[in-house]
C-alpha atoms as a PDB file:
ATOM      1  CA  UNK A   1       0.000   0.000   0.000  1.00  0.00           C
ATOM      2  CA  UNK A   2       0.998   3.623  -0.459  1.00  0.00           C
ATOM      3  CA  UNK A   3       1.510   5.296   2.879  1.00  0.00           C
ATOM      4  CA  UNK A   4       3.197   8.065   4.839  1.00  0.00           C
ATOM      5  CA  UNK A   5       5.304   7.213   7.880  1.00  0.00           C
ATOM      6  CA  UNK A   6       8.063   8.402  10.181  1.00  0.00           C
ATOM      7  CA  UNK A   7      10.843   6.441  11.879  1.00  0.00           C
ATOM      8  CA  UNK A   8      11.922   9.302  14.114  1.00  0.00           C
ATOM      9  CA  UNK A   9      10.263  12.407  15.527  1.00  0.00           C
ATOM     10  CA  UNK A  10      10.904  15.883  14.218  1.00  0.00           C
ATOM     11  CA  UNK A  11       9.718  18.539  11.737  1.00  0.00           C
ATOM     12  CA  UNK A  12       7.213  17.253   9.197  1.00  0.00           C
ATOM     13  CA  UNK A  13       9.315  18.042   6.139  1.00  0.00           C
ATOM     14  CA  UNK A  14      12.312  16.222   7.632  1.00  0.00           C
ATOM     15  CA  UNK A  15      10.784  13.039   9.040  1.00  0.00           C
ATOM     16  CA  UNK A  16       7.646  12.205   7.040  1.00  0.00           C
ATOM     17  CA  UNK A  17       8.306   9.720   4.246  1.00  0.00           C
ATOM     18  CA  UNK A  18       6.040   8.611   1.411  1.00  0.00           C
ATOM     19  CA  UNK A  19       6.246   5.262  -0.329  1.00  0.00           C
ATOM     20  CA  UNK A  20       5.159   1.630  -0.213  1.00  0.00           C
ATOM     21  CA  UNK A  21       4.483  -0.425   2.914  1.00  0.00           C
ATOM     22  CA  UNK A  22       3.051  -3.955   3.230  1.00  0.00           C
ATOM     23  CA  UNK A  23      -0.735  -4.182   3.254  1.00  0.00           C
ATOM     24  CA  UNK A  24      -1.973  -4.845   6.800  1.00  0.00           C
ATOM     25  CA  UNK A  25      -4.245  -7.765   7.655  1.00  0.00           C
ATOM     26  CA  UNK A  26      -6.996  -7.582  10.302  1.00  0.00           C
ATOM     27  CA  UNK A  27      -6.668  -9.739  13.396  1.00  0.00           C
ATOM     28  CA  UNK A  28      -9.421 -11.106  15.665  1.00  0.00           C
ATOM     29  CA  UNK A  29     -12.160  -8.535  16.197  1.00  0.00           C
ATOM     30  CA  UNK A  30     -10.595  -6.118  13.709  1.00  0.00           C
ATOM     31  CA  UNK A  31     -11.561  -4.676  10.347  1.00  0.00           C
ATOM     32  CA  UNK A  32      -9.435  -3.310   7.534  1.00  0.00           C
ATOM     33  CA  UNK A  33     -10.588  -0.019   6.080  1.00  0.00           C
ATOM     34  CA  UNK A  34      -9.745   1.076   2.546  1.00  0.00           C
ATOM     35  CA  UNK A  35      -9.379   4.770   3.261  1.00  0.00           C
ATOM     36  CA  UNK A  36     -10.597   7.687   1.169  1.00  0.00           C
ATOM     37  CA  UNK A  37      -9.577  10.527   3.486  1.00  0.00           C
ATOM     38  CA  UNK A  38      -7.289  10.970   6.459  1.00  0.00           C
ATOM     39  CA  UNK A  39      -8.034  13.751   8.952  1.00  0.00           C
ATOM     40  CA  UNK A  40      -4.993  15.565  10.373  1.00  0.00           C
ATOM     41  CA  UNK A  41      -5.290  16.945  13.912  1.00  0.00           C
ATOM     42  CA  UNK A  42      -2.991  18.820  16.320  1.00  0.00           C
ATOM     43  CA  UNK A  43      -2.696  15.627  18.376  1.00  0.00           C
ATOM     44  CA  UNK A  44      -1.209  13.848  15.353  1.00  0.00           C
ATOM     45  CA  UNK A  45       1.374  16.537  14.700  1.00  0.00           C
ATOM     46  CA  UNK A  46       2.318  16.721  18.393  1.00  0.00           C
ATOM     47  CA  UNK A  47       3.056  13.001  18.445  1.00  0.00           C
ATOM     48  CA  UNK A  48       5.166  13.396  15.324  1.00  0.00           C
ATOM     49  CA  UNK A  49       7.290  16.201  16.724  1.00  0.00           C
ATOM     50  CA  UNK A  50       7.743  14.743  20.224  1.00  0.00           C
ATOM     51  CA  UNK A  51       5.638  17.299  22.093  1.00  0.00           C
ATOM     52  CA  UNK A  52       6.172  17.404  25.890  1.00  0.00           C
ATOM     53  CA  UNK A  53       9.022  14.931  25.608  1.00  0.00           C
ATOM     54  CA  UNK A  54       6.991  12.100  24.089  1.00  0.00           C
ATOM     55  CA  UNK A  55       9.015   9.379  22.384  1.00  0.00           C
ATOM     56  CA  UNK A  56       8.433   6.972  19.508  1.00  0.00           C
ATOM     57  CA  UNK A  57       5.762   4.483  20.664  1.00  0.00           C
ATOM     58  CA  UNK A  58       6.747   2.093  17.862  1.00  0.00           C
ATOM     59  CA  UNK A  59       9.813   1.858  15.611  1.00  0.00           C
ATOM     60  CA  UNK A  60       7.702   3.103  12.686  1.00  0.00           C
ATOM     61  CA  UNK A  61       4.481   5.139  12.848  1.00  0.00           C
ATOM     62  CA  UNK A  62       1.905   5.828  10.142  1.00  0.00           C
ATOM     63  CA  UNK A  63       0.377   9.064  11.475  1.00  0.00           C
ATOM     64  CA  UNK A  64      -3.170  10.393  11.881  1.00  0.00           C
ATOM     65  CA  UNK A  65      -6.030   8.858  13.828  1.00  0.00           C
ATOM     66  CA  UNK A  66      -9.148   9.993  11.948  1.00  0.00           C
ATOM     67  CA  UNK A  67     -10.392   8.900   8.547  1.00  0.00           C
ATOM     68  CA  UNK A  68     -13.194   7.599   6.372  1.00  0.00           C
ATOM     69  CA  UNK A  69     -13.482   4.822   3.853  1.00  0.00           C
ATOM     70  CA  UNK A  70     -14.849   1.348   3.179  1.00  0.00           C
ATOM     71  CA  UNK A  71     -14.357  -1.906   5.085  1.00  0.00           C
ATOM     72  CA  UNK A  72     -12.788  -4.397   2.686  1.00  0.00           C
ATOM     73  CA  UNK A  73     -11.585  -7.155   5.038  1.00  0.00           C
ATOM     74  CA  UNK A  74     -12.582  -8.473   8.448  1.00  0.00           C
ATOM     75  CA  UNK A  75     -10.807 -10.531  11.075  1.00  0.00           C
ATOM     76  CA  UNK A  76     -12.112 -13.565  12.954  1.00  0.00           C
ATOM     77  CA  UNK A  77     -15.173 -12.820  15.058  1.00  0.00           C
ATOM     78  CA  UNK A  78     -16.434  -9.887  12.985  1.00  0.00           C
ATOM     79  CA  UNK A  79     -19.807 -10.059  11.232  1.00  0.00           C
ATOM     80  CA  UNK A  80     -19.378 -10.792   7.527  1.00  0.00           C
ATOM     81  CA  UNK A  81     -22.005  -8.115   6.810  1.00  0.00           C
ATOM     82  CA  UNK A  82     -19.452  -5.439   7.677  1.00  0.00           C
ATOM     83  CA  UNK A  83     -17.560  -5.995   4.430  1.00  0.00           C
ATOM     84  CA  UNK A  84     -18.416  -3.192   2.028  1.00  0.00           C
ATOM     85  CA  UNK A  85     -19.750  -0.802   4.677  1.00  0.00           C
ATOM     86  CA  UNK A  86     -18.872   2.900   4.504  1.00  0.00           C
ATOM     87  CA  UNK A  87     -17.380   3.954   7.822  1.00  0.00           C
ATOM     88  CA  UNK A  88     -15.598   6.697   9.688  1.00  0.00           C
ATOM     89  CA  UNK A  89     -12.640   5.762  11.847  1.00  0.00           C
ATOM     90  CA  UNK A  90     -11.329   7.172  15.106  1.00  0.00           C
ATOM     91  CA  UNK A  91      -8.325   6.423  17.349  1.00  0.00           C
ATOM     92  CA  UNK A  92      -6.579   4.522  14.538  1.00  0.00           C
ATOM     93  CA  UNK A  93      -3.146   5.619  15.768  1.00  0.00           C
ATOM     94  CA  UNK A  94      -3.987   5.585  19.468  1.00  0.00           C
ATOM     95  CA  UNK A  95      -1.767   2.873  20.983  1.00  0.00           C
ATOM     96  CA  UNK A  96      -1.316   1.400  17.495  1.00  0.00           C
ATOM     97  CA  UNK A  97       1.375   2.038  14.867  1.00  0.00           C
ATOM     98  CA  UNK A  98      -0.817   2.236  11.742  1.00  0.00           C
ATOM     99  CA  UNK A  99      -2.853   5.415  11.425  1.00  0.00           C
ATOM    100  CA  UNK A 100      -4.922   6.690   8.521  1.00  0.00           C
ATOM    101  CA  UNK A 101      -2.235   8.334   6.340  1.00  0.00           C
ATOM    102  CA  UNK A 102      -2.232   5.252   4.140  1.00  0.00           C
ATOM    103  CA  UNK A 103      -4.412   3.332   1.716  1.00  0.00           C
ATOM    104  CA  UNK A 104      -5.381   0.902   4.496  1.00  0.00           C
ATOM    105  CA  UNK A 105      -5.682   0.949   8.250  1.00  0.00           C
ATOM    106  CA  UNK A 106      -6.686  -1.821  10.665  1.00  0.00           C
ATOM    107  CA  UNK A 107      -8.731  -1.030  13.783  1.00  0.00           C
ATOM    108  CA  UNK A 108     -10.968  -2.845  16.254  1.00  0.00           C
ATOM    109  CA  UNK A 109     -14.408  -3.181  14.681  1.00  0.00           C
ATOM    110  CA  UNK A 110     -16.018  -0.751  17.162  1.00  0.00           C
ATOM    111  CA  UNK A 111     -13.707   2.051  16.000  1.00  0.00           C
ATOM    112  CA  UNK A 112     -15.084   1.851  12.443  1.00  0.00           C
ATOM    113  CA  UNK A 113     -18.477   3.543  12.681  1.00  0.00           C
ATOM    114  CA  UNK A 114     -21.196   2.921  10.100  1.00  0.00           C
ATOM    115  CA  UNK A 115     -21.647   5.962   7.874  1.00  0.00           C
ATOM    116  CA  UNK A 116     -25.146   6.943   6.649  1.00  0.00           C
ATOM    117  CA  UNK A 117     -25.567   7.956   3.023  1.00  0.00           C
ATOM    118  CA  UNK A 118     -26.440  11.506   4.104  1.00  0.00           C
ATOM    119  CA  UNK A 119     -22.904  12.088   5.442  1.00  0.00           C
ATOM    120  CA  UNK A 120     -20.102  12.675   2.936  1.00  0.00           C
ATOM    121  CA  UNK A 121     -16.668  11.123   3.319  1.00  0.00           C
ATOM    122  CA  UNK A 122     -14.912  14.463   3.903  1.00  0.00           C
ATOM    123  CA  UNK A 123     -17.118  15.379   6.868  1.00  0.00           C
ATOM    124  CA  UNK A 124     -16.822  11.858   8.225  1.00  0.00           C
ATOM    125  CA  UNK A 125     -13.020  12.071   8.281  1.00  0.00           C
ATOM    126  CA  UNK A 126     -13.314  15.116  10.579  1.00  0.00           C
ATOM    127  CA  UNK A 127     -15.460  13.573  13.304  1.00  0.00           C
ATOM    128  CA  UNK A 128     -12.921  11.627  15.358  1.00  0.00           C
ATOM    129  CA  UNK A 129     -10.593  13.509  17.689  1.00  0.00           C
ATOM    130  CA  UNK A 130     -12.335  16.912  17.625  1.00  0.00           C
ATOM    131  CA  UNK A 131     -15.855  15.494  17.607  1.00  0.00           C
ATOM    132  CA  UNK A 132     -15.363  13.006  20.436  1.00  0.00           C
ATOM    133  CA  UNK A 133     -13.485  15.599  22.505  1.00  0.00           C
ATOM    134  CA  UNK A 134     -16.300  18.099  21.937  1.00  0.00           C
ATOM    135  CA  UNK A 135     -18.925  15.536  22.889  1.00  0.00           C
ATOM    136  CA  UNK A 136     -17.103  14.642  26.103  1.00  0.00           C
ATOM    137  CA  UNK A 137     -16.659  18.311  26.992  1.00  0.00           C
ATOM    138  CA  UNK A 138     -20.367  18.978  26.600  1.00  0.00           C
ATOM    139  CA  UNK A 139     -21.902  15.796  28.030  1.00  0.00           C
ATOM    140  CA  UNK A 140     -19.448  14.251  30.516  1.00  0.00           C
ATOM    141  CA  UNK A 141     -21.341  15.894  33.383  1.00  0.00           C
ATOM    142  CA  UNK A 142     -24.834  15.057  32.217  1.00  0.00           C
ATOM    143  CA  UNK A 143     -27.547  16.615  30.107  1.00  0.00           C
ATOM    144  CA  UNK A 144     -27.259  20.254  29.063  1.00  0.00           C
ATOM    145  CA  UNK A 145     -30.937  20.697  28.169  1.00  0.00           C
ATOM    146  CA  UNK A 146     -31.986  24.037  29.595  1.00  0.00           C
ATOM    147  CA  UNK A 147     -28.414  24.868  30.652  1.00  0.00           C
ATOM    148  CA  UNK A 148     -26.274  27.792  29.542  1.00  0.00           C
ATOM    149  CA  UNK A 149     -23.018  26.653  27.928  1.00  0.00           C
ATOM    150  CA  UNK A 150     -20.106  29.032  27.309  1.00  0.00           C
ATOM    151  CA  UNK A 151     -17.908  27.814  24.446  1.00  0.00           C
ATOM    152  CA  UNK A 152     -14.518  29.488  24.132  1.00  0.00           C
ATOM    153  CA  UNK A 153     -12.663  29.550  20.819  1.00  0.00           C
ATOM    154  CA  UNK A 154     -15.780  28.823  18.789  1.00  0.00           C
ATOM    155  CA  UNK A 155     -13.883  29.002  15.490  1.00  0.00           C
ATOM    156  CA  UNK A 156     -11.703  26.042  16.490  1.00  0.00           C
ATOM    157  CA  UNK A 157     -12.290  22.426  15.465  1.00  0.00           C
ATOM    158  CA  UNK A 158     -13.359  21.132  18.886  1.00  0.00           C
ATOM    159  CA  UNK A 159     -15.271  24.155  20.132  1.00  0.00           C
ATOM    160  CA  UNK A 160     -17.210  24.694  16.898  1.00  0.00           C
ATOM    161  CA  UNK A 161     -18.545  21.141  17.147  1.00  0.00           C
ATOM    162  CA  UNK A 162     -19.191  21.582  20.890  1.00  0.00           C
ATOM    163  CA  UNK A 163     -21.362  24.624  20.219  1.00  0.00           C
ATOM    164  CA  UNK A 164     -23.409  22.710  17.658  1.00  0.00           C
ATOM    165  CA  UNK A 165     -23.829  19.644  19.881  1.00  0.00           C
ATOM    166  CA  UNK A 166     -24.848  21.747  22.887  1.00  0.00           C
ATOM    167  CA  UNK A 167     -27.400  23.648  20.805  1.00  0.00           C
ATOM    168  CA  UNK A 168     -28.781  20.413  19.356  1.00  0.00           C
ATOM    169  CA  UNK A 169     -29.164  19.085  22.926  1.00  0.00           C
ATOM    170  CA  UNK A 170     -31.269  22.048  24.052  1.00  0.00           C
ATOM    171  CA  UNK A 171     -28.682  24.317  25.664  1.00  0.00           C
ATOM    172  CA  UNK A 172     -28.353  28.078  25.355  1.00  0.00           C
ATOM    173  CA  UNK A 173     -24.939  28.623  23.775  1.00  0.00           C
ATOM    174  CA  UNK A 174     -22.689  31.629  24.347  1.00  0.00           C
ATOM    175  CA  UNK A 175     -19.536  31.638  22.244  1.00  0.00           C
ATOM    176  CA  UNK A 176     -16.292  33.594  22.319  1.00  0.00           C
ATOM    177  CA  UNK A 177     -13.619  34.466  19.798  1.00  0.00           C
ATOM    178  CA  UNK A 178     -10.289  36.175  20.375  1.00  0.00           C
ATOM    179  CA  UNK A 179     -10.834  39.301  18.292  1.00  0.00           C
ATOM    180  CA  UNK A 180     -13.793  41.436  17.293  1.00  0.00           C
ATOM    181  CA  UNK A 181     -12.909  40.898  13.628  1.00  0.00           C
ATOM    182  CA  UNK A 182     -13.471  37.152  14.125  1.00  0.00           C
ATOM    183  CA  UNK A 183     -17.152  37.574  14.999  1.00  0.00           C
ATOM    184  CA  UNK A 184     -18.100  37.780  11.320  1.00  0.00           C
ATOM    185  CA  UNK A 185     -16.571  34.338  10.722  1.00  0.00           C
ATOM    186  CA  UNK A 186     -18.882  32.537  13.129  1.00  0.00           C
ATOM    187  CA  UNK A 187     -21.643  30.341  11.723  1.00  0.00           C
ATOM    188  CA  UNK A 188     -24.529  28.305  13.093  1.00  0.00           C
ATOM    189  CA  UNK A 189     -25.475  28.318  16.788  1.00  0.00           C
ATOM    190  CA  UNK A 190     -22.245  30.105  17.760  1.00  0.00           C
ATOM    191  CA  UNK A 191     -23.449  33.287  16.041  1.00  0.00           C
ATOM    192  CA  UNK A 192     -26.488  34.042  18.187  1.00  0.00           C
ATOM    193  CA  UNK A 193     -24.709  35.055  21.417  1.00  0.00           C
ATOM    194  CA  UNK A 194     -21.074  35.825  20.710  1.00  0.00           C
ATOM    195  CA  UNK A 195     -18.457  37.840  22.604  1.00  0.00           C
ATOM    196  CA  UNK A 196     -15.006  38.921  21.454  1.00  0.00           C
ATOM    197  CA  UNK A 197     -12.398  38.637  24.209  1.00  0.00           C
ATOM    198  CA  UNK A 198     -10.638  41.822  23.095  1.00  0.00           C
ATOM    199  CA  UNK A 199     -13.502  44.033  24.324  1.00  0.00           C
ATOM    200  CA  UNK A 200     -12.946  46.132  27.445  1.00  0.00           C
ATOM    201  CA  UNK A 201     -14.999  43.930  29.793  1.00  0.00           C
ATOM    202  CA  UNK A 202     -15.722  40.484  28.343  1.00  0.00           C
ATOM    203  CA  UNK A 203     -17.107  39.219  31.661  1.00  0.00           C
ATOM    204  CA  UNK A 204     -19.855  41.858  31.622  1.00  0.00           C
ATOM    205  CA  UNK A 205     -20.591  41.085  27.977  1.00  0.00           C
ATOM    206  CA  UNK A 206     -21.027  37.391  28.810  1.00  0.00           C
ATOM    207  CA  UNK A 207     -23.107  38.214  31.896  1.00  0.00           C
ATOM    208  CA  UNK A 208     -25.509  40.166  29.702  1.00  0.00           C
ATOM    209  CA  UNK A 209     -26.467  36.829  28.140  1.00  0.00           C
ATOM    210  CA  UNK A 210     -26.267  34.916  31.458  1.00  0.00           C
ATOM    211  CA  UNK A 211     -27.041  37.198  34.431  1.00  0.00           C
ATOM    212  CA  UNK A 212     -27.001  34.252  36.857  1.00  0.00           C
ATOM    213  CA  UNK A 213     -23.806  32.807  35.432  1.00  0.00           C
ATOM    214  CA  UNK A 214     -23.141  29.974  33.016  1.00  0.00           C
ATOM    215  CA  UNK A 215     -23.556  26.301  33.847  1.00  0.00           C
ATOM    216  CA  UNK A 216     -20.862  24.756  31.660  1.00  0.00           C
ATOM    217  CA  UNK A 217     -17.693  26.196  30.139  1.00  0.00           C
ATOM    218  CA  UNK A 218     -15.898  24.533  27.218  1.00  0.00           C
ATOM    219  CA  UNK A 219     -12.320  25.728  27.544  1.00  0.00           C
ATOM    220  CA  UNK A 220      -9.584  25.761  24.905  1.00  0.00           C
ATOM    221  CA  UNK A 221      -7.170  28.081  26.753  1.00  0.00           C
ATOM    222  CA  UNK A 222      -7.497  27.346  30.458  1.00  0.00           C
ATOM    223  CA  UNK A 223      -4.496  29.377  31.598  1.00  0.00           C
ATOM    224  CA  UNK A 224      -5.583  32.425  29.610  1.00  0.00           C
ATOM    225  CA  UNK A 225      -9.288  32.357  30.466  1.00  0.00           C
ATOM    226  CA  UNK A 226      -9.566  30.940  33.977  1.00  0.00           C
ATOM    227  CA  UNK A 227     -10.035  34.313  35.686  1.00  0.00           C
ATOM    228  CA  UNK A 228     -12.741  35.185  33.183  1.00  0.00           C
ATOM    229  CA  UNK A 229     -14.312  31.770  33.681  1.00  0.00           C
ATOM    230  CA  UNK A 230     -14.394  32.276  37.449  1.00  0.00           C
ATOM    231  CA  UNK A 231     -16.075  35.642  36.934  1.00  0.00           C
ATOM    232  CA  UNK A 232     -18.915  34.286  34.766  1.00  0.00           C
ATOM    233  CA  UNK A 233     -19.476  30.810  36.232  1.00  0.00           C
ATOM    234  CA  UNK A 234     -22.679  30.105  38.088  1.00  0.00           C
ATOM    235  CA  UNK A 235     -22.730  28.087  41.278  1.00  0.00           C
ATOM    236  CA  UNK A 236     -21.696  24.454  40.690  1.00  0.00           C
ATOM    237  CA  UNK A 237     -20.561  25.212  37.135  1.00  0.00           C
ATOM    238  CA  UNK A 238     -18.200  22.847  35.324  1.00  0.00           C
ATOM    239  CA  UNK A 239     -15.152  24.009  33.379  1.00  0.00           C
ATOM    240  CA  UNK A 240     -14.301  21.302  30.822  1.00  0.00           C
ATOM    241  CA  UNK A 241     -10.807  22.098  29.555  1.00  0.00           C
ATOM    242  CA  UNK A 242      -9.169  20.341  26.645  1.00  0.00           C
ATOM    243  CA  UNK A 243      -6.184  22.691  26.178  1.00  0.00           C
ATOM    244  CA  UNK A 244      -4.111  25.371  27.886  1.00  0.00           C
ATOM    245  CA  UNK A 245      -1.391  27.770  26.853  1.00  0.00           C
ATOM    246  CA  UNK A 246       0.687  27.652  30.073  1.00  0.00           C
ATOM    247  CA  UNK A 247       1.671  24.161  31.226  1.00  0.00           C
ATOM    248  CA  UNK A 248       1.216  25.037  34.927  1.00  0.00           C
ATOM    249  CA  UNK A 249      -1.663  27.518  35.088  1.00  0.00           C
ATOM    250  CA  UNK A 250      -2.681  29.489  38.179  1.00  0.00           C
ATOM    251  CA  UNK A 251      -6.328  29.952  39.073  1.00  0.00           C
ATOM    252  CA  UNK A 252      -8.318  31.858  41.725  1.00  0.00           C
ATOM    253  CA  UNK A 253      -8.795  29.008  44.186  1.00  0.00           C
ATOM    254  CA  UNK A 254     -10.995  30.573  46.872  1.00  0.00           C
ATOM    255  CA  UNK A 255     -13.546  32.293  44.602  1.00  0.00           C
ATOM    256  CA  UNK A 256     -13.861  29.083  42.617  1.00  0.00           C
ATOM    257  CA  UNK A 257     -14.120  26.981  45.773  1.00  0.00           C
ATOM    258  CA  UNK A 258     -16.883  29.142  47.256  1.00  0.00           C
ATOM    259  CA  UNK A 259     -18.706  28.854  43.932  1.00  0.00           C
ATOM    260  CA  UNK A 260     -18.355  25.034  43.996  1.00  0.00           C
ATOM    261  CA  UNK A 261     -16.773  24.936  40.555  1.00  0.00           C
ATOM    262  CA  UNK A 262     -15.617  21.650  39.052  1.00  0.00           C
ATOM    263  CA  UNK A 263     -12.613  21.542  36.722  1.00  0.00           C
ATOM    264  CA  UNK A 264     -12.727  18.642  34.266  1.00  0.00           C
ATOM    265  CA  UNK A 265      -9.607  17.920  32.188  1.00  0.00           C
ATOM    266  CA  UNK A 266     -10.020  16.060  28.913  1.00  0.00           C
ATOM    267  CA  UNK A 267      -7.455  13.745  27.302  1.00  0.00           C
ATOM    268  CA  UNK A 268      -9.146  12.212  24.280  1.00  0.00           C
ATOM    269  CA  UNK A 269      -7.003   9.088  23.793  1.00  0.00           C
ATOM    270  CA  UNK A 270      -8.096   7.752  27.173  1.00  0.00           C
ATOM    271  CA  UNK A 271     -11.777   8.615  27.417  1.00  0.00           C
ATOM    272  CA  UNK A 272     -13.828   5.635  28.673  1.00  0.00           C
ATOM    273  CA  UNK A 273     -14.723   3.317  25.771  1.00  0.00           C
ATOM    274  CA  UNK A 274     -18.432   3.680  26.472  1.00  0.00           C
ATOM    275  CA  UNK A 275     -18.113   7.480  26.287  1.00  0.00           C
ATOM    276  CA  UNK A 276     -16.370   7.224  22.927  1.00  0.00           C
ATOM    277  CA  UNK A 277     -19.017   4.833  21.677  1.00  0.00           C
ATOM    278  CA  UNK A 278     -21.857   7.143  22.675  1.00  0.00           C
ATOM    279  CA  UNK A 279     -20.037  10.092  21.123  1.00  0.00           C
ATOM    280  CA  UNK A 280     -19.709   8.164  17.854  1.00  0.00           C
ATOM    281  CA  UNK A 281     -23.456   7.446  17.823  1.00  0.00           C
ATOM    282  CA  UNK A 282     -24.401  11.040  18.611  1.00  0.00           C
ATOM    283  CA  UNK A 283     -21.945  12.614  16.166  1.00  0.00           C
ATOM    284  CA  UNK A 284     -23.147  10.374  13.352  1.00  0.00           C
ATOM    285  CA  UNK A 285     -26.771  11.225  14.118  1.00  0.00           C
ATOM    286  CA  UNK A 286     -26.017  14.962  14.237  1.00  0.00           C
ATOM    287  CA  UNK A 287     -24.185  14.842  10.914  1.00  0.00           C
ATOM    288  CA  UNK A 288     -26.943  12.747   9.333  1.00  0.00           C
ATOM    289  CA  UNK A 289     -29.589  15.240  10.487  1.00  0.00           C
ATOM    290  CA  UNK A 290     -27.659  18.176   9.022  1.00  0.00           C
ATOM    291  CA  UNK A 291     -27.003  19.633  12.485  1.00  0.00           C
ATOM    292  CA  UNK A 292     -23.234  19.520  12.149  1.00  0.00           C
ATOM    293  CA  UNK A 293     -21.302  21.770   9.774  1.00  0.00           C
ATOM    294  CA  UNK A 294     -17.500  21.528   9.582  1.00  0.00           C
ATOM    295  CA  UNK A 295     -15.361  23.903   7.490  1.00  0.00           C
ATOM    296  CA  UNK A 296     -12.943  21.825   5.430  1.00  0.00           C
ATOM    297  CA  UNK A 297      -9.997  22.969   3.320  1.00  0.00           C
ATOM    298  CA  UNK A 298      -9.386  21.479  -0.125  1.00  0.00           C
ATOM    299  CA  UNK A 299      -7.877  18.044   0.617  1.00  0.00           C
ATOM    300  CA  UNK A 300      -4.199  17.557  -0.163  1.00  0.00           C
ATOM    301  CA  UNK A 301      -2.860  14.434  -1.877  1.00  0.00           C
ATOM    302  CA  UNK A 302      -1.345  11.821   0.414  1.00  0.00           C
ATOM    303  CA  UNK A 303       2.191  12.546  -0.762  1.00  0.00           C
ATOM    304  CA  UNK A 304       1.809  16.106   0.580  1.00  0.00           C
ATOM    305  CA  UNK A 305       1.339  14.928   4.159  1.00  0.00           C
ATOM    306  CA  UNK A 306       4.177  17.166   5.349  1.00  0.00           C
ATOM    307  CA  UNK A 307       2.382  20.235   3.992  1.00  0.00           C
ATOM    308  CA  UNK A 308      -0.833  19.069   5.668  1.00  0.00           C
ATOM    309  CA  UNK A 309       0.909  18.681   9.030  1.00  0.00           C
ATOM    310  CA  UNK A 310       2.483  22.107   8.631  1.00  0.00           C
ATOM    311  CA  UNK A 311      -0.946  23.651   7.945  1.00  0.00           C
ATOM    312  CA  UNK A 312      -2.277  22.156  11.165  1.00  0.00           C
ATOM    313  CA  UNK A 313       0.748  23.381  13.125  1.00  0.00           C
ATOM    314  CA  UNK A 314       0.200  26.849  11.658  1.00  0.00           C
ATOM    315  CA  UNK A 315      -3.327  26.897  13.126  1.00  0.00           C
ATOM    316  CA  UNK A 316      -5.521  26.354  10.064  1.00  0.00           C
ATOM    317  CA  UNK A 317      -9.139  27.284  10.827  1.00  0.00           C
ATOM    318  CA  UNK A 318     -10.380  24.795   8.243  1.00  0.00           C
ATOM    319  CA  UNK A 319     -10.004  21.084   8.803  1.00  0.00           C
ATOM    320  CA  UNK A 320      -7.051  19.587   6.970  1.00  0.00           C
ATOM    321  CA  UNK A 321      -7.544  16.335   5.067  1.00  0.00           C
ATOM    322  CA  UNK A 322      -5.373  14.041   2.988  1.00  0.00           C
ATOM    323  CA  UNK A 323      -7.005  12.477  -0.074  1.00  0.00           C
ATOM    324  CA  UNK A 324      -5.983   8.816  -0.312  1.00  0.00           C
ATOM    325  CA  UNK A 325      -5.318   7.521  -3.850  1.00  0.00           C
ATOM    326  CA  UNK A 326      -7.237   4.551  -5.267  1.00  0.00           C
END
């Protein structure tokens, strides 16, 4: 099969290689997916460059964990009816060496999710890491129906999906962007109640939409926003943080304690399997119903994987995909 891989960590242009690798075969309980698209995420590029001192988990790694395609082989114990099914794939390169930047990947059957005809392959390849993280951020602490959910960084991959999922579930969504100029780029549920963080008093602007405070906060920059979050959180609010700028952030302990705030930290590779499974069901249903819109850049050919990784590292606002050759 044609594939991209790296044998050592480092800059994309220096370590990513393109060529031929042996076709993988599915083992017990596994399926092989003939991929059409590979979704590139910040988590994939961080693994490649050795972020936070991470090392090579295997001697050779085919990167990227998200993708979409068609099941063409099954291993022992998998229903024969799965052959030929369109699917989207998540966690392909989580604790495994063969990700989705290749013509084939092999994953446990549960990680290849049936894809309805209403959902195109490009959207499907974007659901994995950002979608499951967004779902966990919104729903890990129960239903949000009737709640007020503050979603920071609503132009980002995770937060944009979180805003749409929260709205679909019956929440009132308040979104933020960094700059006033970014407000015009918002779409969907994130548009209705939006605040730019460069205004003089963003806490007051958020409180105008939520006088009694917000119930849930989806946080992309914990270290930057925690004082603001403390100022707008209602009693017993939950801050669900999936990223931070400073590795060891400070936060206002006593005000948050007296307000009974919970801080939930989210590491997507190790969410409970049942949470991932429910997220996969809900994301597929939202996409099928037309309640999930994801901005996607023109896919790059597989051999340009280094350019795709560099786009992600540069902070592309549109999802970056690799088109896998037939």
